[in-house]
Amino acid sequence: MAVFRSGLLVLTTPLASLAPRLASILTSAARLVNHTLYVHLQPGMSLEGPAQPQSSPVQATFEVLDFITHLYAGADVHRHLDVRILLTNI
């Protein structure tokens, strides 16, 4: 049973290695969120170091557009989940 009405999923892994794990990531998120899941794409962001990580622009390449398509297709399995990709940095 999901415990939160909404959630934020920040994906920092490079898209090529993230795509094969997308189904399991969405399944895990669907266990925690029961309505709206916001997704922020920040491939390659380093979360190590003393400084607060900064969001940087992501180019709207075919790889990014293809990943977004796969993300929405994979999210369709979880009917209760309203997945929204944040496009502010793309």
N, C-alpha and C. Protein backbone atom coordinates (compact mmCIF):
# COMPACT_ATOMS: atom_id res chain seq x y z
N MET A 1 0.84 -1.18 0.00
CA MET A 1 0.00 0.00 0.00
C MET A 1 0.88 1.24 0.00
N ALA A 2 0.61 2.17 -0.89
CA ALA A 2 1.38 3.41 -0.98
C ALA A 2 1.11 4.27 0.25
N VAL A 3 2.13 4.99 0.67
CA VAL A 3 2.00 5.78 1.89
C VAL A 3 1.99 7.28 1.66
N PHE A 4 2.37 7.72 0.48
CA PHE A 4 2.41 9.15 0.18
C PHE A 4 1.50 9.46 -1.00
N ARG A 5 0.84 10.60 -0.94
CA ARG A 5 -0.03 11.03 -2.04
C ARG A 5 0.80 11.45 -3.25
N SER A 6 1.93 12.10 -3.03
CA SER A 6 2.81 12.52 -4.12
C SER A 6 4.26 12.28 -3.74
N GLY A 7 5.11 12.26 -4.76
CA GLY A 7 6.53 12.04 -4.52
C GLY A 7 7.36 12.64 -5.63
N LEU A 8 8.64 12.83 -5.34
CA LEU A 8 9.60 13.35 -6.31
C LEU A 8 10.69 12.32 -6.51
N LEU A 9 10.87 11.90 -7.75
CA LEU A 9 11.90 10.94 -8.12
C LEU A 9 12.95 11.69 -8.93
N VAL A 10 14.16 11.79 -8.40
CA VAL A 10 15.26 12.45 -9.09
C VAL A 10 16.17 11.36 -9.64
N LEU A 11 16.27 11.31 -10.96
CA LEU A 11 17.07 10.28 -11.63
C LEU A 11 18.41 10.88 -12.05
N THR A 12 19.48 10.41 -11.41
CA THR A 12 20.81 10.98 -11.66
C THR A 12 21.73 10.03 -12.42
N THR A 13 21.31 8.81 -12.63
CA THR A 13 22.12 7.84 -13.36
C THR A 13 22.09 8.17 -14.85
N PRO A 14 23.19 7.98 -15.57
CA PRO A 14 23.16 8.19 -17.02
C PRO A 14 22.03 7.38 -17.66
N LEU A 15 21.35 7.97 -18.63
CA LEU A 15 20.14 7.38 -19.20
C LEU A 15 20.36 5.99 -19.80
N ALA A 16 21.51 5.77 -20.43
CA ALA A 16 21.78 4.48 -21.06
C ALA A 16 21.77 3.34 -20.04
N SER A 17 22.29 3.57 -18.85
CA SER A 17 22.29 2.52 -17.84
C SER A 17 21.02 2.53 -17.00
N LEU A 18 20.24 3.59 -17.09
CA LEU A 18 19.01 3.70 -16.33
C LEU A 18 17.84 3.00 -17.02
N ALA A 19 17.82 3.04 -18.33
CA ALA A 19 16.70 2.50 -19.10
C ALA A 19 16.38 1.04 -18.77
N PRO A 20 17.36 0.14 -18.66
CA PRO A 20 17.02 -1.26 -18.36
C PRO A 20 16.41 -1.45 -16.97
N ARG A 21 16.65 -0.54 -16.06
CA ARG A 21 16.14 -0.65 -14.69
C ARG A 21 14.86 0.15 -14.46
N LEU A 22 14.36 0.76 -15.51
CA LEU A 22 13.22 1.67 -15.38
C LEU A 22 11.97 1.00 -14.81
N ALA A 23 11.66 -0.21 -15.25
CA ALA A 23 10.46 -0.90 -14.76
C ALA A 23 10.53 -1.13 -13.26
N SER A 24 11.68 -1.57 -12.77
CA SER A 24 11.80 -1.83 -11.32
C SER A 24 11.79 -0.53 -10.52
N ILE A 25 12.33 0.53 -11.07
CA ILE A 25 12.32 1.83 -10.39
C ILE A 25 10.89 2.34 -10.25
N LEU A 26 10.12 2.24 -11.32
CA LEU A 26 8.73 2.68 -11.28
C LEU A 26 7.89 1.81 -10.34
N THR A 27 8.16 0.53 -10.32
CA THR A 27 7.44 -0.36 -9.41
C THR A 27 7.74 0.01 -7.95
N SER A 28 8.98 0.30 -7.65
CA SER A 28 9.35 0.72 -6.29
C SER A 28 8.68 2.04 -5.92
N ALA A 29 8.66 2.97 -6.85
CA ALA A 29 8.03 4.27 -6.59
C ALA A 29 6.52 4.09 -6.40
N ALA A 30 5.91 3.20 -7.17
CA ALA A 30 4.46 2.98 -7.07
C ALA A 30 4.07 2.38 -5.73
N ARG A 31 5.01 1.71 -5.06
CA ARG A 31 4.73 1.17 -3.73
C ARG A 31 4.67 2.27 -2.68
N LEU A 32 5.34 3.39 -2.96
CA LEU A 32 5.41 4.48 -1.98
C LEU A 32 4.45 5.63 -2.27
N VAL A 33 4.10 5.81 -3.53
CA VAL A 33 3.29 6.96 -3.94
C VAL A 33 1.97 6.44 -4.51
N ASN A 34 0.86 7.03 -4.07
CA ASN A 34 -0.43 6.53 -4.54
C ASN A 34 -1.15 7.47 -5.50
N HIS A 35 -0.54 8.61 -5.83
CA HIS A 35 -1.25 9.50 -6.77
C HIS A 35 -0.29 10.12 -7.79
N THR A 36 0.45 11.15 -7.41
CA THR A 36 1.28 11.88 -8.36
C THR A 36 2.76 11.65 -8.10
N LEU A 37 3.47 11.24 -9.14
CA LEU A 37 4.92 11.06 -9.06
C LEU A 37 5.57 12.05 -10.02
N TYR A 38 6.31 12.99 -9.47
CA TYR A 38 7.06 13.94 -10.28
C TYR A 38 8.45 13.36 -10.52
N VAL A 39 8.91 13.45 -11.76
CA VAL A 39 10.22 12.90 -12.12
C VAL A 39 11.10 14.03 -12.64
N HIS A 40 12.28 14.13 -12.05
CA HIS A 40 13.27 15.13 -12.46
C HIS A 40 14.45 14.39 -13.05
N LEU A 41 14.75 14.63 -14.31
CA LEU A 41 15.89 13.99 -14.98
C LEU A 41 17.14 14.85 -14.81
N GLN A 42 18.15 14.27 -14.22
CA GLN A 42 19.43 14.95 -14.06
C GLN A 42 20.55 13.93 -14.25
N PRO A 43 20.64 13.33 -15.47
CA PRO A 43 21.62 12.27 -15.70
C PRO A 43 23.05 12.77 -15.53
N GLY A 44 23.82 11.99 -14.79
CA GLY A 44 25.22 12.33 -14.60
C GLY A 44 25.49 13.25 -13.43
N MET A 45 24.46 13.64 -12.69
CA MET A 45 24.68 14.52 -11.53
C MET A 45 25.44 13.76 -10.45
N SER A 46 26.46 14.38 -9.93
CA SER A 46 27.23 13.78 -8.85
C SER A 46 26.63 14.20 -7.51
N LEU A 47 26.34 13.22 -6.69
CA LEU A 47 25.78 13.50 -5.37
C LEU A 47 26.85 13.41 -4.29
N GLU A 48 28.09 13.26 -4.71
CA GLU A 48 29.20 13.16 -3.77
C GLU A 48 29.83 14.54 -3.58
N GLY A 49 30.48 14.72 -2.45
CA GLY A 49 31.16 15.98 -2.19
C GLY A 49 30.42 16.80 -1.17
N PRO A 50 31.09 17.81 -0.65
CA PRO A 50 30.51 18.61 0.43
C PRO A 50 29.47 19.63 -0.03
N ALA A 51 29.52 20.02 -1.28
CA ALA A 51 28.61 21.07 -1.77
C ALA A 51 27.23 20.50 -2.11
N GLN A 52 26.25 21.36 -2.03
CA GLN A 52 24.89 20.99 -2.44
C GLN A 52 24.89 20.77 -3.95
N PRO A 53 24.37 19.63 -4.44
CA PRO A 53 24.34 19.41 -5.89
C PRO A 53 23.48 20.46 -6.59
N GLN A 54 23.93 20.89 -7.74
CA GLN A 54 23.22 21.90 -8.51
C GLN A 54 22.63 21.26 -9.77
N SER A 55 21.39 21.61 -10.06
CA SER A 55 20.75 21.14 -11.27
C SER A 55 21.38 21.85 -12.47
N SER A 56 21.57 21.13 -13.54
CA SER A 56 22.15 21.74 -14.73
C SER A 56 21.27 21.40 -15.93
N PRO A 57 21.35 22.21 -16.98
CA PRO A 57 20.52 21.97 -18.17
C PRO A 57 20.82 20.62 -18.82
N VAL A 58 19.78 19.99 -19.32
CA VAL A 58 19.90 18.73 -20.04
C VAL A 58 19.43 18.99 -21.46
N GLN A 59 20.26 18.65 -22.43
CA GLN A 59 19.90 18.86 -23.82
C GLN A 59 18.79 17.91 -24.24
N ALA A 60 17.84 18.39 -25.01
CA ALA A 60 16.73 17.57 -25.49
C ALA A 60 17.17 16.75 -26.70
N THR A 61 18.03 15.77 -26.43
CA THR A 61 18.53 14.90 -27.48
C THR A 61 17.53 13.78 -27.76
N PHE A 62 17.79 13.01 -28.81
CA PHE A 62 16.92 11.87 -29.10
C PHE A 62 16.96 10.86 -27.96
N GLU A 63 18.11 10.73 -27.31
CA GLU A 63 18.23 9.81 -26.17
C GLU A 63 17.29 10.23 -25.04
N VAL A 64 17.24 11.51 -24.74
CA VAL A 64 16.36 12.02 -23.68
C VAL A 64 14.89 11.85 -24.08
N LEU A 65 14.56 12.20 -25.31
CA LEU A 65 13.18 12.06 -25.78
C LEU A 65 12.74 10.60 -25.79
N ASP A 66 13.62 9.71 -26.20
CA ASP A 66 13.32 8.28 -26.20
C ASP A 66 13.12 7.77 -24.77
N PHE A 67 13.96 8.25 -23.85
CA PHE A 67 13.82 7.85 -22.45
C PHE A 67 12.49 8.31 -21.88
N ILE A 68 12.10 9.53 -22.19
CA ILE A 68 10.81 10.06 -21.71
C ILE A 68 9.66 9.20 -22.24
N THR A 69 9.73 8.81 -23.49
CA THR A 69 8.70 7.95 -24.08
C THR A 69 8.63 6.62 -23.33
N HIS A 70 9.79 6.02 -23.06
CA HIS A 70 9.82 4.74 -22.35
C HIS A 70 9.33 4.89 -20.91
N LEU A 71 9.64 6.01 -20.30
CA LEU A 71 9.19 6.25 -18.93
C LEU A 71 7.68 6.31 -18.86
N TYR A 72 7.06 7.06 -19.76
CA TYR A 72 5.60 7.13 -19.77
C TYR A 72 4.97 5.79 -20.12
N ALA A 73 5.56 5.06 -21.05
CA ALA A 73 5.03 3.74 -21.41
C ALA A 73 5.12 2.78 -20.23
N GLY A 74 6.24 2.81 -19.51
CA GLY A 74 6.40 1.96 -18.34
C GLY A 74 5.48 2.35 -17.20
N ALA A 75 5.20 3.63 -17.08
CA ALA A 75 4.32 4.11 -16.02
C ALA A 75 2.87 3.74 -16.27
N ASP A 76 2.53 3.43 -17.50
CA ASP A 76 1.16 3.07 -17.84
C ASP A 76 0.70 1.80 -17.13
N VAL A 77 1.64 0.97 -16.73
CA VAL A 77 1.33 -0.25 -16.00
C VAL A 77 0.74 0.06 -14.62
N HIS A 78 1.17 1.17 -14.05
CA HIS A 78 0.73 1.58 -12.71
C HIS A 78 -0.40 2.60 -12.87
N ARG A 79 -1.60 2.10 -13.04
CA ARG A 79 -2.76 2.94 -13.36
C ARG A 79 -3.06 4.00 -12.31
N HIS A 80 -2.75 3.73 -11.05
CA HIS A 80 -3.05 4.68 -9.98
C HIS A 80 -2.06 5.84 -9.94
N LEU A 81 -0.98 5.73 -10.69
CA LEU A 81 0.10 6.71 -10.62
C LEU A 81 0.01 7.72 -11.76
N ASP A 82 -0.01 8.97 -11.41
CA ASP A 82 0.00 10.07 -12.38
C ASP A 82 1.44 10.57 -12.47
N VAL A 83 2.15 10.12 -13.50
CA VAL A 83 3.57 10.47 -13.64
C VAL A 83 3.71 11.74 -14.45
N ARG A 84 4.50 12.66 -13.90
CA ARG A 84 4.73 13.94 -14.57
C ARG A 84 6.24 14.23 -14.57
N ILE A 85 6.79 14.40 -15.75
CA ILE A 85 8.21 14.71 -15.86
C ILE A 85 8.37 16.21 -15.82
N LEU A 86 9.26 16.67 -14.94
CA LEU A 86 9.54 18.09 -14.82
C LEU A 86 10.49 18.50 -15.94
N LEU A 87 10.11 19.46 -16.74
CA LEU A 87 10.87 19.84 -17.92
C LEU A 87 11.65 21.14 -17.74
N THR A 88 11.73 21.65 -16.55
CA THR A 88 12.36 22.96 -16.33
C THR A 88 13.83 23.01 -16.72
N ASN A 89 14.53 21.87 -16.66
CA ASN A 89 15.95 21.86 -17.00
C ASN A 89 16.25 21.25 -18.35
N ILE A 90 15.20 20.88 -19.10
CA ILE A 90 15.41 20.25 -20.42
C ILE A 90 15.15 21.29 -21.50
